[in-house]
Amino acid sequence: MLSSVAERVYWLGRYLERVENTARLVNVYSTMLLDLPSGSHIGWSLLVDITGCHEEYNKSHSSVEEKQVVRFLLADSKNHASVLNCANMMRENARTTREIIPSEAWELVNNLYHTLKEDLSRTISRRSRQQTLENVVGDCQRIVGVLTGCMNHDTAFAFIQLGRKVERADMTSRIVDVGSISMLPAFSRSAKQKSFLEPYENIVWMNVLRCVSGYQGYRQRTHSQVKGDEVVKFLLQDEAFPRSLGYSLTDLVGHLNKLPNNVEVLRAVARAKKVTLEVNINQLLQHGLLDFIDELQISIADIHEEINNTWFRPVELRKPVRKGQSQTQA
């Protein structure tokens, strides 16, 4: 397979996963804010930070309000990571690899982009926005179903899966940030506020689980009520739940083993697994997860760089990904 083709299907997988997860994040975050009291000091700026787009947002916006943030994350043409831009890039990568992917998958990708473009071209209410985002998630899952069920599980499929799992690992770490930043002691401004927020902690972690459709899986694995420390362990370290970071990294190994010249990439995955699976979550929660999540995202970015360096780019064209920077296709 040509490296250019491998890169396109890899990014097809990444953008497919990014569109779905960003839609999930915006939808669930909107619901969570409605459930929390105004005194929680949790606003829309947190969502911009979590998606890694704060620098781009600040260039064109002087304030942080719901309509502005939602438009920026969903439909802003200047935001390379907006859902609409990612859907467009997904469509472009699918279009240029139509001879490789099933024709049904291309039709679904094409329809998703045009439907989304039409839906986001007008101002939408919260209710219609929720329906639009739920449709996006459903359409992405149908595309995954067609790719998994109808495409040859060969080299091209392996690169699509690499893209999806790297992106999912990164997005899961960001989704955990929603709960960890908003409710851990490091975020509370005073002991009184901490006491005020404690009854709402369950709401936050419930929404975090909803964001990854993980509530039922969590209850089956833990047999307990929703607790912050248990949710963090589940989403970071559980190797049975498909949307956990631990599962994504383990699944990466299986697909990498089908590809040649994979030694350096496997080493990068092993380093990320070591960071993820060997850490003591309870100790981390006592001080806050922010530094750990930063370290985790750097290790995931390293996996992407090794994939890029091994199969897509010669040495002289390599460019490092900065901490907190959203990875986008060259």
C-alpha atoms as a PDB file:
ATOM      1  CA  MET A   1       0.000   0.000   0.000  1.00  0.00           C
ATOM      2  CA  LEU A   2       1.239   3.500  -0.861  1.00  0.00           C
ATOM      3  CA  SER A   3       2.081   5.606   2.188  1.00  0.00           C
ATOM      4  CA  SER A   4      -0.203   8.377   0.924  1.00  0.00           C
ATOM      5  CA  VAL A   5      -3.152   5.982   0.786  1.00  0.00           C
ATOM      6  CA  ALA A   6      -2.337   4.561   4.219  1.00  0.00           C
ATOM      7  CA  GLU A   7      -2.250   8.099   5.610  1.00  0.00           C
ATOM      8  CA  ARG A   8      -5.637   8.948   4.112  1.00  0.00           C
ATOM      9  CA  VAL A   9      -7.409   5.924   5.565  1.00  0.00           C
ATOM     10  CA  TYR A  10      -5.671   6.511   8.904  1.00  0.00           C
ATOM     11  CA  TRP A  11      -7.065  10.040   8.989  1.00  0.00           C
ATOM     12  CA  LEU A  12     -10.437   8.791   7.804  1.00  0.00           C
ATOM     13  CA  GLY A  13     -10.506   6.743  10.996  1.00  0.00           C
ATOM     14  CA  ARG A  14      -9.326   9.644  13.151  1.00  0.00           C
ATOM     15  CA  TYR A  15     -11.841  12.127  11.805  1.00  0.00           C
ATOM     16  CA  LEU A  16     -14.645   9.590  12.025  1.00  0.00           C
ATOM     17  CA  GLU A  17     -13.902   9.094  15.715  1.00  0.00           C
ATOM     18  CA  ARG A  18     -13.362  12.819  16.327  1.00  0.00           C
ATOM     19  CA  VAL A  19     -16.713  13.787  14.808  1.00  0.00           C
ATOM     20  CA  GLU A  20     -18.564  11.263  16.953  1.00  0.00           C
ATOM     21  CA  ASN A  21     -16.763  12.057  20.197  1.00  0.00           C
ATOM     22  CA  THR A  22     -16.962  15.832  19.828  1.00  0.00           C
ATOM     23  CA  ALA A  23     -20.691  15.525  19.183  1.00  0.00           C
ATOM     24  CA  ARG A  24     -21.014  13.349  22.279  1.00  0.00           C
ATOM     25  CA  LEU A  25     -18.986  15.777  24.387  1.00  0.00           C
ATOM     26  CA  VAL A  26     -20.902  18.912  23.395  1.00  0.00           C
ATOM     27  CA  ASN A  27     -24.263  17.203  23.843  1.00  0.00           C
ATOM     28  CA  VAL A  28     -23.557  15.742  27.267  1.00  0.00           C
ATOM     29  CA  TYR A  29     -21.737  18.842  28.519  1.00  0.00           C
ATOM     30  CA  SER A  30     -24.809  20.937  27.660  1.00  0.00           C
ATOM     31  CA  THR A  31     -26.995  18.616  29.701  1.00  0.00           C
ATOM     32  CA  MET A  32     -24.575  18.586  32.620  1.00  0.00           C
ATOM     33  CA  LEU A  33     -24.525  22.383  32.915  1.00  0.00           C
ATOM     34  CA  LEU A  34     -28.311  22.462  33.101  1.00  0.00           C
ATOM     35  CA  ASP A  35     -28.208  20.006  36.008  1.00  0.00           C
ATOM     36  CA  LEU A  36     -25.590  21.885  38.051  1.00  0.00           C
ATOM     37  CA  PRO A  37     -26.187  24.933  40.268  1.00  0.00           C
ATOM     38  CA  SER A  38     -24.873  28.338  39.218  1.00  0.00           C
ATOM     39  CA  GLY A  39     -22.501  28.360  42.191  1.00  0.00           C
ATOM     40  CA  SER A  40     -20.466  25.496  40.752  1.00  0.00           C
ATOM     41  CA  HIS A  41     -18.335  27.938  38.687  1.00  0.00           C
ATOM     42  CA  ILE A  42     -18.287  25.472  35.801  1.00  0.00           C
ATOM     43  CA  GLY A  43     -18.718  27.302  32.516  1.00  0.00           C
ATOM     44  CA  TRP A  44     -18.266  26.901  28.796  1.00  0.00           C
ATOM     45  CA  SER A  45     -14.609  27.916  28.873  1.00  0.00           C
ATOM     46  CA  LEU A  46     -13.825  24.514  30.396  1.00  0.00           C
ATOM     47  CA  LEU A  47     -15.173  22.755  27.308  1.00  0.00           C
ATOM     48  CA  VAL A  48     -12.992  24.890  25.032  1.00  0.00           C
ATOM     49  CA  ASP A  49      -9.934  24.030  27.139  1.00  0.00           C
ATOM     50  CA  ILE A  50     -10.729  20.319  27.174  1.00  0.00           C
ATOM     51  CA  THR A  51     -10.983  20.159  23.378  1.00  0.00           C
ATOM     52  CA  GLY A  52      -7.588  21.864  23.109  1.00  0.00           C
ATOM     53  CA  CYS A  53      -8.940  24.766  21.057  1.00  0.00           C
ATOM     54  CA  HIS A  54      -8.573  27.670  23.505  1.00  0.00           C
ATOM     55  CA  GLU A  55      -5.855  29.451  21.495  1.00  0.00           C
ATOM     56  CA  GLU A  56      -7.925  29.472  18.308  1.00  0.00           C
ATOM     57  CA  TYR A  57     -11.059  30.436  20.205  1.00  0.00           C
ATOM     58  CA  ASN A  58      -9.382  33.409  21.883  1.00  0.00           C
ATOM     59  CA  LYS A  59      -8.196  34.734  18.532  1.00  0.00           C
ATOM     60  CA  SER A  60     -11.743  35.393  17.357  1.00  0.00           C
ATOM     61  CA  HIS A  61     -13.818  35.672  20.566  1.00  0.00           C
ATOM     62  CA  SER A  62     -13.549  38.113  23.440  1.00  0.00           C
ATOM     63  CA  SER A  63     -16.050  36.350  25.728  1.00  0.00           C
ATOM     64  CA  VAL A  64     -17.107  32.782  26.480  1.00  0.00           C
ATOM     65  CA  GLU A  65     -20.829  32.180  26.097  1.00  0.00           C
ATOM     66  CA  GLU A  66     -22.879  29.125  25.213  1.00  0.00           C
ATOM     67  CA  LYS A  67     -23.910  30.127  21.684  1.00  0.00           C
ATOM     68  CA  GLN A  68     -20.403  31.212  20.756  1.00  0.00           C
ATOM     69  CA  VAL A  69     -18.728  28.083  22.123  1.00  0.00           C
ATOM     70  CA  VAL A  70     -21.253  25.707  20.570  1.00  0.00           C
ATOM     71  CA  ARG A  71     -21.000  27.412  17.178  1.00  0.00           C
ATOM     72  CA  PHE A  72     -17.194  27.363  17.419  1.00  0.00           C
ATOM     73  CA  LEU A  73     -17.029  23.651  18.259  1.00  0.00           C
ATOM     74  CA  LEU A  74     -19.702  22.550  15.822  1.00  0.00           C
ATOM     75  CA  ALA A  75     -19.623  24.752  12.739  1.00  0.00           C
ATOM     76  CA  ASP A  76     -16.877  27.401  12.814  1.00  0.00           C
ATOM     77  CA  SER A  77     -14.911  27.232   9.557  1.00  0.00           C
ATOM     78  CA  LYS A  78     -11.898  28.814  11.298  1.00  0.00           C
ATOM     79  CA  ASN A  79     -11.755  26.016  13.869  1.00  0.00           C
ATOM     80  CA  HIS A  80      -9.952  23.095  12.245  1.00  0.00           C
ATOM     81  CA  ALA A  81     -11.363  20.779  14.947  1.00  0.00           C
ATOM     82  CA  SER A  82     -15.021  21.790  14.568  1.00  0.00           C
ATOM     83  CA  VAL A  83     -17.430  18.951  13.874  1.00  0.00           C
ATOM     84  CA  LEU A  84     -18.273  20.331  10.429  1.00  0.00           C
ATOM     85  CA  ASN A  85     -14.620  20.766   9.411  1.00  0.00           C
ATOM     86  CA  CYS A  86     -13.761  17.274  10.655  1.00  0.00           C
ATOM     87  CA  ALA A  87     -16.748  15.832   8.775  1.00  0.00           C
ATOM     88  CA  ASN A  88     -15.496  17.593   5.649  1.00  0.00           C
ATOM     89  CA  MET A  89     -11.990  16.163   6.098  1.00  0.00           C
ATOM     90  CA  MET A  90     -13.459  12.727   6.751  1.00  0.00           C
ATOM     91  CA  ARG A  91     -15.431  13.036   3.520  1.00  0.00           C
ATOM     92  CA  GLU A  92     -12.347  14.131   1.576  1.00  0.00           C
ATOM     93  CA  ASN A  93     -10.288  11.189   2.824  1.00  0.00           C
ATOM     94  CA  ALA A  94     -13.141   8.806   2.048  1.00  0.00           C
ATOM     95  CA  ARG A  95     -13.560  10.306  -1.437  1.00  0.00           C
ATOM     96  CA  THR A  96      -9.900   9.827  -2.315  1.00  0.00           C
ATOM     97  CA  THR A  97      -9.923   6.202  -1.109  1.00  0.00           C
ATOM     98  CA  ARG A  98     -13.274   5.136  -2.585  1.00  0.00           C
ATOM     99  CA  GLU A  99     -11.631   2.217  -4.360  1.00  0.00           C
ATOM    100  CA  ILE A 100     -10.599   0.792  -0.971  1.00  0.00           C
ATOM    101  CA  ILE A 101     -13.535   1.347   1.359  1.00  0.00           C
ATOM    102  CA  PRO A 102     -17.011  -0.145   0.763  1.00  0.00           C
ATOM    103  CA  SER A 103     -19.219   2.019  -1.478  1.00  0.00           C
ATOM    104  CA  GLU A 104     -21.909   1.977   1.215  1.00  0.00           C
ATOM    105  CA  ALA A 105     -19.449   3.563   3.656  1.00  0.00           C
ATOM    106  CA  TRP A 106     -18.643   6.347   1.203  1.00  0.00           C
ATOM    107  CA  GLU A 107     -22.335   7.069   0.694  1.00  0.00           C
ATOM    108  CA  LEU A 108     -22.903   7.279   4.452  1.00  0.00           C
ATOM    109  CA  VAL A 109     -19.909   9.598   4.936  1.00  0.00           C
ATOM    110  CA  ASN A 110     -21.049  11.829   2.094  1.00  0.00           C
ATOM    111  CA  ASN A 111     -24.613  12.008   3.388  1.00  0.00           C
ATOM    112  CA  LEU A 112     -23.439  12.745   6.943  1.00  0.00           C
ATOM    113  CA  TYR A 113     -21.410  15.738   5.796  1.00  0.00           C
ATOM    114  CA  HIS A 114     -24.129  17.279   3.619  1.00  0.00           C
ATOM    115  CA  THR A 115     -26.853  16.720   6.222  1.00  0.00           C
ATOM    116  CA  LEU A 116     -24.674  18.198   8.950  1.00  0.00           C
ATOM    117  CA  LYS A 117     -23.768  21.192   6.780  1.00  0.00           C
ATOM    118  CA  GLU A 118     -27.445  21.907   6.183  1.00  0.00           C
ATOM    119  CA  ASP A 119     -28.431  21.426   9.844  1.00  0.00           C
ATOM    120  CA  LEU A 120     -25.654  23.667  11.165  1.00  0.00           C
ATOM    121  CA  SER A 121     -26.153  26.423   8.583  1.00  0.00           C
ATOM    122  CA  ARG A 122     -28.991  27.883  10.638  1.00  0.00           C
ATOM    123  CA  THR A 123     -29.332  28.878  14.267  1.00  0.00           C
ATOM    124  CA  ILE A 124     -30.600  25.905  16.233  1.00  0.00           C
ATOM    125  CA  SER A 125     -32.249  25.671  19.610  1.00  0.00           C
ATOM    126  CA  ARG A 126     -30.974  23.461  22.398  1.00  0.00           C
ATOM    127  CA  ARG A 127     -33.586  20.834  21.593  1.00  0.00           C
ATOM    128  CA  SER A 128     -32.842  20.703  17.872  1.00  0.00           C
ATOM    129  CA  ARG A 129     -29.118  20.798  18.624  1.00  0.00           C
ATOM    130  CA  GLN A 130     -29.481  17.726  20.806  1.00  0.00           C
ATOM    131  CA  GLN A 131     -31.300  15.874  18.036  1.00  0.00           C
ATOM    132  CA  THR A 132     -28.695  16.914  15.463  1.00  0.00           C
ATOM    133  CA  LEU A 133     -25.820  15.689  17.628  1.00  0.00           C
ATOM    134  CA  GLU A 134     -27.579  12.410  18.392  1.00  0.00           C
ATOM    135  CA  ASN A 135     -28.045  11.920  14.637  1.00  0.00           C
ATOM    136  CA  VAL A 136     -24.327  12.558  14.099  1.00  0.00           C
ATOM    137  CA  VAL A 137     -23.398   9.911  16.668  1.00  0.00           C
ATOM    138  CA  GLY A 138     -25.808   7.418  15.090  1.00  0.00           C
ATOM    139  CA  ASP A 139     -24.495   8.109  11.578  1.00  0.00           C
ATOM    140  CA  CYS A 140     -20.885   7.644  12.712  1.00  0.00           C
ATOM    141  CA  GLN A 141     -21.773   4.328  14.325  1.00  0.00           C
ATOM    142  CA  ARG A 142     -23.429   3.168  11.092  1.00  0.00           C
ATOM    143  CA  ILE A 143     -20.272   4.038   9.156  1.00  0.00           C
ATOM    144  CA  VAL A 144     -18.179   2.050  11.638  1.00  0.00           C
ATOM    145  CA  GLY A 145     -20.601  -0.851  11.284  1.00  0.00           C
ATOM    146  CA  VAL A 146     -20.293  -0.888   7.492  1.00  0.00           C
ATOM    147  CA  LEU A 147     -16.498  -0.626   7.599  1.00  0.00           C
ATOM    148  CA  THR A 148     -16.229  -3.420  10.170  1.00  0.00           C
ATOM    149  CA  GLY A 149     -18.805  -5.696   8.591  1.00  0.00           C
ATOM    150  CA  CYS A 150     -18.161  -5.172   4.866  1.00  0.00           C
ATOM    151  CA  MET A 151     -14.511  -4.184   4.400  1.00  0.00           C
ATOM    152  CA  ASN A 152     -11.658  -6.638   4.019  1.00  0.00           C
ATOM    153  CA  HIS A 153      -9.730  -6.755   7.288  1.00  0.00           C
ATOM    154  CA  ASP A 154      -6.442  -6.065   5.558  1.00  0.00           C
ATOM    155  CA  THR A 155      -3.758  -3.392   5.792  1.00  0.00           C
ATOM    156  CA  ALA A 156      -6.130  -0.545   4.914  1.00  0.00           C
ATOM    157  CA  PHE A 157      -8.583  -1.627   7.595  1.00  0.00           C
ATOM    158  CA  ALA A 158      -5.743  -1.834  10.125  1.00  0.00           C
ATOM    159  CA  PHE A 159      -4.786   1.792   9.431  1.00  0.00           C
ATOM    160  CA  ILE A 160      -8.406   2.911   9.828  1.00  0.00           C
ATOM    161  CA  GLN A 161      -8.480   1.154  13.181  1.00  0.00           C
ATOM    162  CA  LEU A 162      -5.187   2.748  14.232  1.00  0.00           C
ATOM    163  CA  GLY A 163      -6.682   6.153  13.526  1.00  0.00           C
ATOM    164  CA  ARG A 164      -9.867   5.402  15.429  1.00  0.00           C
ATOM    165  CA  LYS A 165      -8.122   3.985  18.502  1.00  0.00           C
ATOM    166  CA  VAL A 166      -5.529   6.761  18.775  1.00  0.00           C
ATOM    167  CA  GLU A 167      -8.257   9.374  18.486  1.00  0.00           C
ATOM    168  CA  ARG A 168     -10.516   7.550  20.932  1.00  0.00           C
ATOM    169  CA  ALA A 169      -7.719   7.278  23.497  1.00  0.00           C
ATOM    170  CA  ASP A 170      -7.062  11.009  23.240  1.00  0.00           C
ATOM    171  CA  MET A 171     -10.746  11.949  23.435  1.00  0.00           C
ATOM    172  CA  THR A 172     -11.402   9.635  26.380  1.00  0.00           C
ATOM    173  CA  SER A 173      -8.651  11.347  28.342  1.00  0.00           C
ATOM    174  CA  ARG A 174     -10.284  14.704  27.557  1.00  0.00           C
ATOM    175  CA  ILE A 175     -13.712  13.438  28.567  1.00  0.00           C
ATOM    176  CA  VAL A 176     -12.322  12.330  31.935  1.00  0.00           C
ATOM    177  CA  ASP A 177     -11.134  15.936  32.287  1.00  0.00           C
ATOM    178  CA  VAL A 178     -14.780  17.051  32.393  1.00  0.00           C
ATOM    179  CA  GLY A 179     -15.252  15.328  35.723  1.00  0.00           C
ATOM    180  CA  SER A 180     -11.775  15.674  37.158  1.00  0.00           C
ATOM    181  CA  ILE A 181     -11.399  19.414  36.649  1.00  0.00           C
ATOM    182  CA  SER A 182     -14.861  20.343  37.813  1.00  0.00           C
ATOM    183  CA  MET A 183     -15.184  18.313  40.990  1.00  0.00           C
ATOM    184  CA  LEU A 184     -11.783  17.491  42.416  1.00  0.00           C
ATOM    185  CA  PRO A 185     -10.459  19.437  45.446  1.00  0.00           C
ATOM    186  CA  ALA A 186      -8.007  21.395  43.320  1.00  0.00           C
ATOM    187  CA  PHE A 187     -10.951  23.044  41.559  1.00  0.00           C
ATOM    188  CA  SER A 188     -12.933  24.038  44.645  1.00  0.00           C
ATOM    189  CA  ARG A 189     -12.297  27.576  45.778  1.00  0.00           C
ATOM    190  CA  SER A 190     -13.069  26.949  49.449  1.00  0.00           C
ATOM    191  CA  ALA A 191     -14.069  24.262  51.915  1.00  0.00           C
ATOM    192  CA  LYS A 192     -17.558  25.749  51.989  1.00  0.00           C
ATOM    193  CA  GLN A 193     -17.860  25.511  48.226  1.00  0.00           C
ATOM    194  CA  LYS A 194     -16.540  21.946  48.297  1.00  0.00           C
ATOM    195  CA  SER A 195     -19.319  21.032  50.729  1.00  0.00           C
ATOM    196  CA  PHE A 196     -21.805  22.781  48.445  1.00  0.00           C
ATOM    197  CA  LEU A 197     -20.641  20.858  45.363  1.00  0.00           C
ATOM    198  CA  GLU A 198     -20.417  17.370  46.842  1.00  0.00           C
ATOM    199  CA  PRO A 199     -24.126  16.496  46.308  1.00  0.00           C
ATOM    200  CA  TYR A 200     -23.673  17.274  42.597  1.00  0.00           C
ATOM    201  CA  GLU A 201     -20.552  15.193  42.070  1.00  0.00           C
ATOM    202  CA  ASN A 202     -22.663  12.199  41.120  1.00  0.00           C
ATOM    203  CA  ILE A 203     -24.351  14.266  38.389  1.00  0.00           C
ATOM    204  CA  VAL A 204     -21.017  15.128  36.812  1.00  0.00           C
ATOM    205  CA  TRP A 205     -19.703  11.564  36.757  1.00  0.00           C
ATOM    206  CA  MET A 206     -23.051  10.230  35.496  1.00  0.00           C
ATOM    207  CA  ASN A 207     -22.768  12.592  32.551  1.00  0.00           C
ATOM    208  CA  VAL A 208     -19.157  11.593  31.961  1.00  0.00           C
ATOM    209  CA  LEU A 209     -20.299   7.972  31.667  1.00  0.00           C
ATOM    210  CA  ARG A 210     -23.190   8.975  29.426  1.00  0.00           C
ATOM    211  CA  CYS A 211     -20.742  10.745  27.148  1.00  0.00           C
ATOM    212  CA  VAL A 212     -19.138   7.395  26.303  1.00  0.00           C
ATOM    213  CA  SER A 213     -22.322   5.302  26.644  1.00  0.00           C
ATOM    214  CA  GLY A 214     -20.590   3.652  29.588  1.00  0.00           C
ATOM    215  CA  TYR A 215     -23.102   3.693  32.436  1.00  0.00           C
ATOM    216  CA  GLN A 216     -24.330   0.131  31.970  1.00  0.00           C
ATOM    217  CA  GLY A 217     -20.812  -1.190  31.397  1.00  0.00           C
ATOM    218  CA  TYR A 218     -19.630   0.621  34.519  1.00  0.00           C
ATOM    219  CA  ARG A 219     -22.361  -0.883  36.697  1.00  0.00           C
ATOM    220  CA  GLN A 220     -21.686  -4.370  35.345  1.00  0.00           C
ATOM    221  CA  ARG A 221     -17.967  -4.082  36.083  1.00  0.00           C
ATOM    222  CA  THR A 222     -18.054  -2.334  39.466  1.00  0.00           C
ATOM    223  CA  HIS A 223     -21.445  -3.380  40.929  1.00  0.00           C
ATOM    224  CA  SER A 224     -21.511  -0.044  42.755  1.00  0.00           C
ATOM    225  CA  GLN A 225     -23.065   3.396  42.611  1.00  0.00           C
ATOM    226  CA  VAL A 226     -21.377   6.050  40.494  1.00  0.00           C
ATOM    227  CA  LYS A 227     -18.265   7.334  42.285  1.00  0.00           C
ATOM    228  CA  GLY A 228     -15.628   9.617  40.842  1.00  0.00           C
ATOM    229  CA  ASP A 229     -12.615   7.441  41.620  1.00  0.00           C
ATOM    230  CA  GLU A 230     -14.298   4.321  40.247  1.00  0.00           C
ATOM    231  CA  VAL A 231     -15.361   6.121  37.060  1.00  0.00           C
ATOM    232  CA  VAL A 232     -11.811   7.343  36.470  1.00  0.00           C
ATOM    233  CA  LYS A 233     -10.424   3.825  36.963  1.00  0.00           C
ATOM    234  CA  PHE A 234     -13.085   2.419  34.640  1.00  0.00           C
ATOM    235  CA  LEU A 235     -12.474   4.898  31.812  1.00  0.00           C
ATOM    236  CA  LEU A 236      -8.699   4.861  32.051  1.00  0.00           C
ATOM    237  CA  GLN A 237      -7.751   1.349  33.111  1.00  0.00           C
ATOM    238  CA  ASP A 238     -10.562  -1.086  32.276  1.00  0.00           C
ATOM    239  CA  GLU A 239      -9.476  -3.322  29.383  1.00  0.00           C
ATOM    240  CA  ALA A 240     -12.937  -4.763  28.659  1.00  0.00           C
ATOM    241  CA  PHE A 241     -14.958  -1.589  27.978  1.00  0.00           C
ATOM    242  CA  PRO A 242     -14.435  -0.578  24.293  1.00  0.00           C
ATOM    243  CA  ARG A 243     -14.281   3.165  24.973  1.00  0.00           C
ATOM    244  CA  SER A 244     -11.826   3.020  27.858  1.00  0.00           C
ATOM    245  CA  LEU A 245      -8.283   4.195  27.300  1.00  0.00           C
ATOM    246  CA  GLY A 246      -6.871   0.857  28.437  1.00  0.00           C
ATOM    247  CA  TYR A 247      -8.948  -1.050  25.892  1.00  0.00           C
ATOM    248  CA  SER A 248      -8.031   1.345  23.065  1.00  0.00           C
ATOM    249  CA  LEU A 249      -4.305   0.920  23.727  1.00  0.00           C
ATOM    250  CA  THR A 250      -4.579  -2.869  23.979  1.00  0.00           C
ATOM    251  CA  ASP A 251      -6.595  -2.998  20.753  1.00  0.00           C
ATOM    252  CA  LEU A 252      -3.953  -0.870  19.044  1.00  0.00           C
ATOM    253  CA  VAL A 253      -1.387  -3.602  19.655  1.00  0.00           C
ATOM    254  CA  GLY A 254      -3.526  -6.173  17.857  1.00  0.00           C
ATOM    255  CA  HIS A 255      -3.795  -4.021  14.727  1.00  0.00           C
ATOM    256  CA  LEU A 256      -0.138  -2.999  14.831  1.00  0.00           C
ATOM    257  CA  ASN A 257       0.898  -6.640  14.844  1.00  0.00           C
ATOM    258  CA  LYS A 258      -0.610  -6.936  11.345  1.00  0.00           C
ATOM    259  CA  LEU A 259       1.689  -4.218   9.968  1.00  0.00           C
ATOM    260  CA  PRO A 260       5.408  -4.299   9.071  1.00  0.00           C
ATOM    261  CA  ASN A 261       8.107  -2.139  10.681  1.00  0.00           C
ATOM    262  CA  ASN A 262       5.996  -1.694  13.782  1.00  0.00           C
ATOM    263  CA  VAL A 263       8.668  -1.856  16.511  1.00  0.00           C
ATOM    264  CA  GLU A 264       8.873   1.852  17.379  1.00  0.00           C
ATOM    265  CA  VAL A 265       5.107   2.300  17.358  1.00  0.00           C
ATOM    266  CA  LEU A 266       4.658  -0.710  19.633  1.00  0.00           C
ATOM    267  CA  ARG A 267       7.191   0.781  22.022  1.00  0.00           C
ATOM    268  CA  ALA A 268       5.249   4.061  22.089  1.00  0.00           C
ATOM    269  CA  VAL A 269       2.043   2.158  22.851  1.00  0.00           C
ATOM    270  CA  ALA A 270       3.803   0.221  25.606  1.00  0.00           C
ATOM    271  CA  ARG A 271       4.948   3.494  27.191  1.00  0.00           C
ATOM    272  CA  ALA A 272       1.413   4.880  27.075  1.00  0.00           C
ATOM    273  CA  LYS A 273       0.024   1.672  28.600  1.00  0.00           C
ATOM    274  CA  LYS A 274       2.579   1.870  31.377  1.00  0.00           C
ATOM    275  CA  VAL A 275       1.528   5.440  32.168  1.00  0.00           C
ATOM    276  CA  THR A 276      -2.156   4.488  32.076  1.00  0.00           C
ATOM    277  CA  LEU A 277      -2.385   1.088  33.718  1.00  0.00           C
ATOM    278  CA  GLU A 278       0.267   1.283  36.423  1.00  0.00           C
ATOM    279  CA  VAL A 279      -0.721   4.591  38.010  1.00  0.00           C
ATOM    280  CA  ASN A 280      -2.489   4.638  41.381  1.00  0.00           C
ATOM    281  CA  ILE A 281      -5.737   6.485  40.665  1.00  0.00           C
ATOM    282  CA  ASN A 282      -6.618   7.007  44.331  1.00  0.00           C
ATOM    283  CA  GLN A 283      -3.343   8.838  44.985  1.00  0.00           C
ATOM    284  CA  LEU A 284      -3.803  10.975  41.882  1.00  0.00           C
ATOM    285  CA  LEU A 285      -7.290  12.016  42.891  1.00  0.00           C
ATOM    286  CA  GLN A 286      -6.000  13.446  46.147  1.00  0.00           C
ATOM    287  CA  HIS A 287      -4.045  16.095  44.232  1.00  0.00           C
ATOM    288  CA  GLY A 288      -6.045  16.380  41.007  1.00  0.00           C
ATOM    289  CA  LEU A 289      -5.648  14.706  37.638  1.00  0.00           C
ATOM    290  CA  LEU A 290      -4.574  17.692  35.553  1.00  0.00           C
ATOM    291  CA  ASP A 291      -0.841  16.969  35.369  1.00  0.00           C
ATOM    292  CA  PHE A 292      -1.448  13.267  34.846  1.00  0.00           C
ATOM    293  CA  ILE A 293      -3.912  13.910  31.992  1.00  0.00           C
ATOM    294  CA  ASP A 294      -1.322  16.186  30.367  1.00  0.00           C
ATOM    295  CA  GLU A 295       1.274  13.421  30.601  1.00  0.00           C
ATOM    296  CA  LEU A 296      -1.215  10.929  29.215  1.00  0.00           C
ATOM    297  CA  GLN A 297      -2.059  13.095  26.221  1.00  0.00           C
ATOM    298  CA  ILE A 298       1.622  13.595  25.463  1.00  0.00           C
ATOM    299  CA  SER A 299       2.137   9.817  25.447  1.00  0.00           C
ATOM    300  CA  ILE A 300      -0.816   9.417  23.052  1.00  0.00           C
ATOM    301  CA  ALA A 301       0.596  12.153  20.812  1.00  0.00           C
ATOM    302  CA  ASP A 302       3.873  10.196  20.783  1.00  0.00           C
ATOM    303  CA  ILE A 303       2.018   7.177  19.370  1.00  0.00           C
ATOM    304  CA  HIS A 304       0.678   9.331  16.556  1.00  0.00           C
ATOM    305  CA  GLU A 305       4.147  10.718  15.863  1.00  0.00           C
ATOM    306  CA  GLU A 306       5.655   7.234  15.651  1.00  0.00           C
ATOM    307  CA  ILE A 307       2.894   6.130  13.261  1.00  0.00           C
ATOM    308  CA  ASN A 308       3.533   9.251  11.203  1.00  0.00           C
ATOM    309  CA  ASN A 309       7.299   8.765  11.221  1.00  0.00           C
ATOM    310  CA  THR A 310       7.140   5.055  10.443  1.00  0.00           C
ATOM    311  CA  TRP A 311       4.662   4.977   7.574  1.00  0.00           C
ATOM    312  CA  PHE A 312       3.687   8.433   6.338  1.00  0.00           C
ATOM    313  CA  ARG A 313       6.550  10.951   6.441  1.00  0.00           C
ATOM    314  CA  PRO A 314      10.298  11.007   5.690  1.00  0.00           C
ATOM    315  CA  VAL A 315      12.577  12.229   8.464  1.00  0.00           C
ATOM    316  CA  GLU A 316      13.113  15.721   7.034  1.00  0.00           C
ATOM    317  CA  LEU A 317       9.358  16.499   7.079  1.00  0.00           C
ATOM    318  CA  ARG A 318       8.657  15.441  10.647  1.00  0.00           C
ATOM    319  CA  LYS A 319       7.142  18.072  12.921  1.00  0.00           C
ATOM    320  CA  PRO A 320       6.629  17.593  16.664  1.00  0.00           C
ATOM    321  CA  VAL A 321       3.141  17.963  18.132  1.00  0.00           C
ATOM    322  CA  ARG A 322       3.109  20.501  20.937  1.00  0.00           C
ATOM    323  CA  LYS A 323       1.563  19.732  24.284  1.00  0.00           C
ATOM    324  CA  GLY A 324      -2.189  20.367  24.236  1.00  0.00           C
ATOM    325  CA  GLN A 325      -2.246  20.853  20.457  1.00  0.00           C
ATOM    326  CA  SER A 326      -4.986  19.095  18.494  1.00  0.00           C
ATOM    327  CA  GLN A 327      -3.456  16.751  15.927  1.00  0.00           C
ATOM    328  CA  THR A 328      -4.701  17.464  12.403  1.00  0.00           C
ATOM    329  CA  GLN A 329      -3.921  16.074   9.023  1.00  0.00           C
ATOM    330  CA  ALA A 330      -1.104  17.743   7.154  1.00  0.00           C
END
